Amino acid sequence: MQVEESKEFKPTIVAFCCNWCSYAGADLAGSSRISYPADVKIVRVPCSCRVNPLFILRAFERGADGVILCGCHPGDCHYSTGNYYARRRMTMLFSMLDYMGIERERTRVEWVSAAEGAKFAATMKDFIETVTKLGENRKLRDLRCKE
């Protein structure tokens, strides 16, 4: 007798988190034992403005089903104006993704401070739910990267 495996879709999420606020917020969520899905792969960056939109496109190409950029709240950036630059770049990326036919809900920008561990966990849970409803990313995925 062979047992059938149920293949429930679990999205792969890449989270680019600024070192000073969002990464510290993720750390606070972990140390406070506030859980969020393990499908979130965190990439620590010095500042949200250091995330080139090509990094996000590459994440999609390499198999991510959703990408989220987390940074300091506007006005609270460790580098003064970095998150303003990030916000402008992401607006341009959203326009490009619309043009390419990629669902806008697959990409998100959130401002999470170091003291907001609960917000970080809630944001990740909400984003996972949104991407799960959208299903697997097939438009940008490079077939060579598929396992």
N, C-alpha and C. Protein backbone atom coordinates (compact mmCIF):
# COMPACT_ATOMS: atom_id res chain seq x y z
N MET A 1 0.84 -1.17 0.00
CA MET A 1 0.00 0.00 0.00
C MET A 1 0.89 1.24 0.00
N GLN A 2 0.63 2.13 -0.96
CA GLN A 2 1.47 3.32 -1.10
C GLN A 2 0.71 4.53 -0.56
N VAL A 3 1.38 5.30 0.24
CA VAL A 3 0.77 6.49 0.82
C VAL A 3 0.98 7.65 -0.13
N GLU A 4 -0.11 8.35 -0.44
CA GLU A 4 -0.02 9.51 -1.32
C GLU A 4 0.45 10.73 -0.53
N GLU A 5 1.38 11.44 -1.13
CA GLU A 5 1.85 12.66 -0.49
C GLU A 5 0.98 13.83 -0.96
N SER A 6 0.54 14.61 -0.01
CA SER A 6 -0.21 15.80 -0.39
C SER A 6 0.78 16.92 -0.64
N LYS A 7 0.73 17.48 -1.81
CA LYS A 7 1.68 18.53 -2.18
C LYS A 7 1.02 19.88 -1.96
N GLU A 8 1.10 20.35 -0.73
CA GLU A 8 0.58 21.66 -0.41
C GLU A 8 1.62 22.70 -0.81
N PHE A 9 1.17 23.75 -1.50
CA PHE A 9 2.08 24.79 -1.95
C PHE A 9 2.56 25.62 -0.76
N LYS A 10 3.88 25.72 -0.61
CA LYS A 10 4.49 26.57 0.40
C LYS A 10 5.39 27.56 -0.33
N PRO A 11 5.04 28.82 -0.31
CA PRO A 11 5.83 29.79 -1.07
C PRO A 11 7.21 30.04 -0.45
N THR A 12 8.14 30.36 -1.31
CA THR A 12 9.47 30.78 -0.88
C THR A 12 9.50 32.30 -0.91
N ILE A 13 9.80 32.89 0.23
CA ILE A 13 9.80 34.34 0.37
C ILE A 13 11.21 34.81 0.68
N VAL A 14 11.66 35.83 -0.05
CA VAL A 14 12.95 36.46 0.23
C VAL A 14 12.66 37.82 0.85
N ALA A 15 13.22 38.07 2.02
CA ALA A 15 13.03 39.33 2.72
C ALA A 15 14.37 40.06 2.81
N PHE A 16 14.46 41.21 2.16
CA PHE A 16 15.64 42.06 2.28
C PHE A 16 15.38 42.98 3.47
N CYS A 17 16.17 42.84 4.52
CA CYS A 17 15.95 43.59 5.76
C CYS A 17 17.14 44.48 6.07
N CYS A 18 16.85 45.73 6.40
CA CYS A 18 17.91 46.66 6.77
C CYS A 18 18.51 46.24 8.11
N ASN A 19 19.79 46.39 8.23
CA ASN A 19 20.52 45.93 9.41
C ASN A 19 20.07 46.61 10.69
N TRP A 20 19.75 47.88 10.61
CA TRP A 20 19.54 48.68 11.82
C TRP A 20 18.15 48.56 12.40
N CYS A 21 17.15 48.34 11.57
CA CYS A 21 15.78 48.30 12.10
C CYS A 21 15.09 46.97 11.83
N SER A 22 14.87 46.64 10.57
CA SER A 22 14.06 45.47 10.25
C SER A 22 14.72 44.16 10.67
N TYR A 23 16.02 44.06 10.47
CA TYR A 23 16.71 42.84 10.89
C TYR A 23 16.66 42.72 12.42
N ALA A 24 16.81 43.85 13.09
CA ALA A 24 16.70 43.85 14.55
C ALA A 24 15.27 43.52 14.98
N GLY A 25 14.28 43.95 14.20
CA GLY A 25 12.89 43.59 14.47
C GLY A 25 12.65 42.10 14.32
N ALA A 26 13.29 41.49 13.30
CA ALA A 26 13.19 40.04 13.13
C ALA A 26 13.87 39.33 14.29
N ASP A 27 14.98 39.87 14.73
CA ASP A 27 15.69 39.30 15.87
C ASP A 27 14.84 39.40 17.14
N LEU A 28 14.18 40.53 17.31
CA LEU A 28 13.30 40.71 18.47
C LEU A 28 12.13 39.73 18.43
N ALA A 29 11.58 39.51 17.24
CA ALA A 29 10.49 38.53 17.11
C ALA A 29 10.98 37.15 17.52
N GLY A 30 12.18 36.80 17.11
CA GLY A 30 12.74 35.50 17.48
C GLY A 30 13.03 35.39 18.96
N SER A 31 13.63 36.42 19.54
CA SER A 31 13.95 36.36 20.96
C SER A 31 12.71 36.46 21.84
N SER A 32 11.63 37.04 21.31
CA SER A 32 10.36 37.12 22.04
C SER A 32 9.49 35.89 21.81
N ARG A 33 10.01 34.96 21.02
CA ARG A 33 9.31 33.72 20.68
C ARG A 33 8.00 33.98 19.95
N ILE A 34 8.00 35.02 19.12
CA ILE A 34 6.86 35.29 18.24
C ILE A 34 7.19 34.62 16.91
N SER A 35 6.42 33.62 16.56
CA SER A 35 6.78 32.84 15.38
C SER A 35 6.24 33.46 14.09
N TYR A 36 6.98 33.23 13.03
CA TYR A 36 6.54 33.55 11.68
C TYR A 36 7.04 32.40 10.81
N PRO A 37 6.44 32.19 9.64
CA PRO A 37 6.77 31.01 8.83
C PRO A 37 8.25 30.90 8.48
N ALA A 38 8.72 29.68 8.46
CA ALA A 38 10.13 29.41 8.14
C ALA A 38 10.41 29.54 6.66
N ASP A 39 9.38 29.79 5.86
CA ASP A 39 9.56 29.94 4.41
C ASP A 39 10.17 31.30 4.06
N VAL A 40 10.35 32.15 5.05
CA VAL A 40 10.94 33.47 4.83
C VAL A 40 12.45 33.37 4.96
N LYS A 41 13.14 33.71 3.90
CA LYS A 41 14.61 33.71 3.88
C LYS A 41 15.07 35.17 3.98
N ILE A 42 15.73 35.50 5.07
CA ILE A 42 16.13 36.89 5.31
C ILE A 42 17.53 37.15 4.77
N VAL A 43 17.64 38.26 4.02
CA VAL A 43 18.93 38.74 3.52
C VAL A 43 19.17 40.08 4.20
N ARG A 44 20.22 40.14 5.01
CA ARG A 44 20.52 41.39 5.74
C ARG A 44 21.32 42.31 4.84
N VAL A 45 20.85 43.54 4.73
CA VAL A 45 21.52 44.57 3.94
C VAL A 45 21.81 45.76 4.85
N PRO A 46 22.84 46.56 4.55
CA PRO A 46 23.17 47.69 5.43
C PRO A 46 22.03 48.71 5.53
N CYS A 47 21.34 48.93 4.42
CA CYS A 47 20.24 49.89 4.38
C CYS A 47 19.30 49.46 3.26
N SER A 48 18.03 49.80 3.39
CA SER A 48 17.06 49.42 2.35
C SER A 48 17.41 50.07 1.00
N CYS A 49 18.11 51.20 1.02
CA CYS A 49 18.47 51.84 -0.24
C CYS A 49 19.55 51.06 -1.00
N ARG A 50 20.19 50.12 -0.34
CA ARG A 50 21.23 49.32 -1.00
C ARG A 50 20.66 48.18 -1.83
N VAL A 51 19.35 47.98 -1.78
CA VAL A 51 18.72 46.91 -2.55
C VAL A 51 18.42 47.43 -3.94
N ASN A 52 19.19 46.92 -4.88
CA ASN A 52 19.00 47.25 -6.28
C ASN A 52 17.76 46.49 -6.76
N PRO A 53 16.89 47.11 -7.55
CA PRO A 53 15.73 46.39 -8.08
C PRO A 53 16.10 45.11 -8.84
N LEU A 54 17.30 45.08 -9.38
CA LEU A 54 17.75 43.86 -10.06
C LEU A 54 17.90 42.70 -9.08
N PHE A 55 18.21 43.00 -7.80
CA PHE A 55 18.28 41.95 -6.79
C PHE A 55 16.92 41.26 -6.64
N ILE A 56 15.88 42.06 -6.69
CA ILE A 56 14.52 41.52 -6.55
C ILE A 56 14.15 40.69 -7.75
N LEU A 57 14.47 41.19 -8.95
CA LEU A 57 14.20 40.40 -10.15
C LEU A 57 15.00 39.11 -10.15
N ARG A 58 16.24 39.16 -9.66
CA ARG A 58 17.07 37.96 -9.59
C ARG A 58 16.49 36.96 -8.58
N ALA A 59 15.96 37.46 -7.48
CA ALA A 59 15.33 36.57 -6.49
C ALA A 59 14.16 35.83 -7.13
N PHE A 60 13.34 36.54 -7.89
CA PHE A 60 12.24 35.89 -8.60
C PHE A 60 12.76 34.86 -9.59
N GLU A 61 13.80 35.24 -10.31
CA GLU A 61 14.38 34.34 -11.30
C GLU A 61 14.92 33.07 -10.65
N ARG A 62 15.48 33.20 -9.45
CA ARG A 62 16.07 32.06 -8.75
C ARG A 62 15.08 31.24 -7.95
N GLY A 63 13.78 31.56 -8.04
CA GLY A 63 12.79 30.69 -7.43
C GLY A 63 11.94 31.29 -6.34
N ALA A 64 12.11 32.56 -6.03
CA ALA A 64 11.27 33.18 -5.00
C ALA A 64 9.85 33.35 -5.54
N ASP A 65 8.88 33.10 -4.69
CA ASP A 65 7.49 33.33 -5.05
C ASP A 65 7.03 34.72 -4.62
N GLY A 66 7.76 35.33 -3.68
CA GLY A 66 7.46 36.67 -3.22
C GLY A 66 8.71 37.30 -2.65
N VAL A 67 8.82 38.63 -2.77
CA VAL A 67 9.98 39.35 -2.24
C VAL A 67 9.45 40.55 -1.47
N ILE A 68 9.96 40.72 -0.27
CA ILE A 68 9.57 41.85 0.57
C ILE A 68 10.81 42.63 0.97
N LEU A 69 10.70 43.94 0.92
CA LEU A 69 11.78 44.83 1.33
C LEU A 69 11.35 45.50 2.63
N CYS A 70 12.12 45.32 3.67
CA CYS A 70 11.81 45.92 4.97
C CYS A 70 12.91 46.89 5.35
N GLY A 71 12.50 48.07 5.77
CA GLY A 71 13.48 49.08 6.17
C GLY A 71 12.99 49.89 7.34
N CYS A 72 13.79 50.89 7.71
CA CYS A 72 13.42 51.79 8.80
C CYS A 72 12.24 52.66 8.36
N HIS A 73 11.52 53.16 9.33
CA HIS A 73 10.43 54.09 9.01
C HIS A 73 11.01 55.34 8.37
N PRO A 74 10.29 55.94 7.41
CA PRO A 74 10.79 57.18 6.80
C PRO A 74 11.05 58.24 7.87
N GLY A 75 12.22 58.83 7.79
CA GLY A 75 12.63 59.82 8.77
C GLY A 75 13.49 59.24 9.88
N ASP A 76 13.51 57.91 10.02
CA ASP A 76 14.29 57.26 11.08
C ASP A 76 15.47 56.46 10.54
N CYS A 77 15.82 56.66 9.28
CA CYS A 77 16.88 55.88 8.66
C CYS A 77 18.23 56.19 9.30
N HIS A 78 19.00 55.14 9.54
CA HIS A 78 20.34 55.28 10.12
C HIS A 78 21.24 56.11 9.21
N TYR A 79 20.96 56.06 7.90
CA TYR A 79 21.75 56.79 6.92
C TYR A 79 20.99 58.03 6.42
N SER A 80 20.14 58.59 7.24
CA SER A 80 19.38 59.82 7.00
C SER A 80 18.26 59.67 5.97
N THR A 81 18.60 59.45 4.70
CA THR A 81 17.58 59.47 3.66
C THR A 81 17.52 58.18 2.85
N GLY A 82 18.14 57.13 3.31
CA GLY A 82 18.21 55.90 2.53
C GLY A 82 16.86 55.31 2.18
N ASN A 83 15.92 55.31 3.12
CA ASN A 83 14.64 54.69 2.82
C ASN A 83 13.81 55.52 1.83
N TYR A 84 14.08 56.82 1.70
CA TYR A 84 13.41 57.61 0.67
C TYR A 84 13.86 57.17 -0.72
N TYR A 85 15.16 56.88 -0.86
CA TYR A 85 15.66 56.38 -2.13
C TYR A 85 15.08 55.00 -2.42
N ALA A 86 15.00 54.17 -1.41
CA ALA A 86 14.43 52.83 -1.58
C ALA A 86 12.97 52.92 -2.02
N ARG A 87 12.22 53.82 -1.42
CA ARG A 87 10.81 53.96 -1.78
C ARG A 87 10.65 54.38 -3.24
N ARG A 88 11.51 55.29 -3.70
CA ARG A 88 11.44 55.71 -5.11
C ARG A 88 11.81 54.58 -6.05
N ARG A 89 12.86 53.82 -5.70
CA ARG A 89 13.26 52.69 -6.54
C ARG A 89 12.16 51.63 -6.62
N MET A 90 11.53 51.37 -5.50
CA MET A 90 10.49 50.34 -5.48
C MET A 90 9.26 50.80 -6.27
N THR A 91 8.96 52.08 -6.27
CA THR A 91 7.86 52.59 -7.10
C THR A 91 8.15 52.33 -8.57
N MET A 92 9.38 52.56 -8.97
CA MET A 92 9.78 52.27 -10.36
C MET A 92 9.70 50.77 -10.65
N LEU A 93 10.13 49.96 -9.69
CA LEU A 93 10.08 48.51 -9.88
C LEU A 93 8.63 48.03 -10.01
N PHE A 94 7.73 48.58 -9.20
CA PHE A 94 6.32 48.19 -9.30
C PHE A 94 5.78 48.49 -10.70
N SER A 95 6.15 49.63 -11.27
CA SER A 95 5.72 49.97 -12.63
C SER A 95 6.27 48.97 -13.63
N MET A 96 7.52 48.59 -13.45
CA MET A 96 8.14 47.64 -14.37
C MET A 96 7.49 46.26 -14.25
N LEU A 97 7.19 45.82 -13.02
CA LEU A 97 6.54 44.53 -12.82
C LEU A 97 5.14 44.52 -13.42
N ASP A 98 4.41 45.64 -13.31
CA ASP A 98 3.10 45.76 -13.94
C ASP A 98 3.23 45.60 -15.45
N TYR A 99 4.23 46.25 -16.02
CA TYR A 99 4.46 46.17 -17.46
C TYR A 99 4.77 44.73 -17.89
N MET A 100 5.51 44.01 -17.05
CA MET A 100 5.91 42.64 -17.37
C MET A 100 4.79 41.63 -17.11
N GLY A 101 3.72 42.06 -16.44
CA GLY A 101 2.60 41.16 -16.17
C GLY A 101 2.77 40.36 -14.89
N ILE A 102 3.63 40.81 -13.99
CA ILE A 102 3.85 40.14 -12.71
C ILE A 102 2.89 40.76 -11.69
N GLU A 103 2.26 39.92 -10.89
CA GLU A 103 1.34 40.43 -9.89
C GLU A 103 2.07 41.34 -8.90
N ARG A 104 1.50 42.50 -8.66
CA ARG A 104 2.11 43.46 -7.75
C ARG A 104 2.16 42.91 -6.32
N GLU A 105 1.23 42.05 -5.98
CA GLU A 105 1.16 41.52 -4.62
C GLU A 105 2.34 40.62 -4.28
N ARG A 106 3.12 40.20 -5.28
CA ARG A 106 4.29 39.36 -5.02
C ARG A 106 5.46 40.16 -4.44
N THR A 107 5.38 41.47 -4.50
CA THR A 107 6.44 42.34 -4.00
C THR A 107 5.82 43.34 -3.04
N ARG A 108 6.52 43.60 -1.96
CA ARG A 108 5.97 44.48 -0.94
C ARG A 108 7.09 45.27 -0.28
N VAL A 109 6.75 46.46 0.20
CA VAL A 109 7.67 47.29 0.98
C VAL A 109 7.01 47.55 2.32
N GLU A 110 7.74 47.31 3.39
CA GLU A 110 7.23 47.55 4.75
C GLU A 110 8.29 48.27 5.56
N TRP A 111 7.84 49.15 6.43
CA TRP A 111 8.73 49.85 7.33
C TRP A 111 8.55 49.26 8.72
N VAL A 112 9.59 48.62 9.24
CA VAL A 112 9.54 47.94 10.53
C VAL A 112 10.73 48.39 11.36
N SER A 113 10.47 48.91 12.56
CA SER A 113 11.57 49.37 13.40
C SER A 113 12.10 48.22 14.26
N ALA A 114 13.20 48.48 14.94
CA ALA A 114 13.83 47.45 15.77
C ALA A 114 12.95 47.05 16.95
N ALA A 115 12.04 47.90 17.35
CA ALA A 115 11.17 47.62 18.50
C ALA A 115 9.86 46.94 18.10
N GLU A 116 9.69 46.65 16.81
CA GLU A 116 8.43 46.11 16.32
C GLU A 116 8.56 44.65 15.89
N GLY A 117 8.97 43.81 16.81
CA GLY A 117 9.09 42.38 16.51
C GLY A 117 7.76 41.76 16.17
N ALA A 118 6.71 42.13 16.90
CA ALA A 118 5.37 41.59 16.63
C ALA A 118 4.88 42.03 15.26
N LYS A 119 5.17 43.27 14.88
CA LYS A 119 4.77 43.75 13.55
C LYS A 119 5.51 42.99 12.46
N PHE A 120 6.79 42.71 12.68
CA PHE A 120 7.57 41.95 11.69
C PHE A 120 6.94 40.58 11.47
N ALA A 121 6.64 39.88 12.55
CA ALA A 121 6.05 38.55 12.43
C ALA A 121 4.68 38.61 11.76
N ALA A 122 3.85 39.58 12.14
CA ALA A 122 2.52 39.71 11.53
C ALA A 122 2.62 40.05 10.05
N THR A 123 3.57 40.90 9.70
CA THR A 123 3.77 41.27 8.29
C THR A 123 4.18 40.06 7.47
N MET A 124 5.09 39.25 8.00
CA MET A 124 5.53 38.06 7.27
C MET A 124 4.39 37.06 7.11
N LYS A 125 3.60 36.85 8.16
CA LYS A 125 2.46 35.94 8.07
C LYS A 125 1.46 36.41 7.03
N ASP A 126 1.17 37.70 7.03
CA ASP A 126 0.23 38.26 6.07
C ASP A 126 0.75 38.14 4.64
N PHE A 127 2.05 38.41 4.47
CA PHE A 127 2.64 38.33 3.13
C PHE A 127 2.64 36.89 2.62
N ILE A 128 2.93 35.94 3.49
CA ILE A 128 2.90 34.52 3.10
C ILE A 128 1.48 34.13 2.66
N GLU A 129 0.47 34.57 3.40
CA GLU A 129 -0.92 34.27 3.02
C GLU A 129 -1.25 34.85 1.65
N THR A 130 -0.84 36.07 1.40
CA THR A 130 -1.11 36.73 0.12
C THR A 130 -0.45 35.97 -1.02
N VAL A 131 0.82 35.61 -0.85
CA VAL A 131 1.55 34.92 -1.93
C VAL A 131 1.01 33.50 -2.11
N THR A 132 0.59 32.86 -1.04
CA THR A 132 0.02 31.51 -1.15
C THR A 132 -1.23 31.53 -2.00
N LYS A 133 -2.05 32.57 -1.84
CA LYS A 133 -3.27 32.70 -2.66
C LYS A 133 -2.93 32.90 -4.13
N LEU A 134 -1.81 33.59 -4.41
CA LEU A 134 -1.41 33.82 -5.80
C LEU A 134 -0.86 32.56 -6.45
N GLY A 135 -0.31 31.67 -5.66
CA GLY A 135 0.26 30.44 -6.21
C GLY A 135 1.72 30.62 -6.59
N GLU A 136 2.22 29.62 -7.28
CA GLU A 136 3.64 29.58 -7.64
C GLU A 136 3.99 30.65 -8.67
N ASN A 137 5.17 31.22 -8.53
CA ASN A 137 5.69 32.20 -9.49
C ASN A 137 6.19 31.44 -10.71
N ARG A 138 5.57 31.68 -11.84
CA ARG A 138 5.99 30.98 -13.05
C ARG A 138 6.50 31.93 -14.12
N LYS A 139 6.21 33.21 -13.99
CA LYS A 139 6.56 34.14 -15.07
C LYS A 139 8.06 34.44 -15.14
N LEU A 140 8.68 34.66 -13.99
CA LEU A 140 10.09 35.04 -14.00
C LEU A 140 11.04 33.91 -13.66
N ARG A 141 10.50 32.77 -13.24
CA ARG A 141 11.36 31.68 -12.77
C ARG A 141 12.18 31.11 -13.91
N ASP A 142 13.45 30.97 -13.67
CA ASP A 142 14.37 30.36 -14.62
C ASP A 142 14.27 28.84 -14.44
N LEU A 143 13.90 28.14 -15.49
CA LEU A 143 13.69 26.70 -15.38
C LEU A 143 14.95 25.95 -14.98
N ARG A 144 16.12 26.54 -15.25
CA ARG A 144 17.36 25.88 -14.87
C ARG A 144 17.55 25.84 -13.36
N CYS A 145 16.86 26.73 -12.63
CA CYS A 145 17.02 26.80 -11.18
C CYS A 145 16.03 25.89 -10.46
N LYS A 146 15.14 25.28 -11.19
CA LYS A 146 14.12 24.41 -10.59
C LYS A 146 14.77 23.09 -10.18
N GLU A 147 14.40 22.62 -8.99
CA GLU A 147 14.97 21.37 -8.51
C GLU A 147 14.29 20.19 -9.15
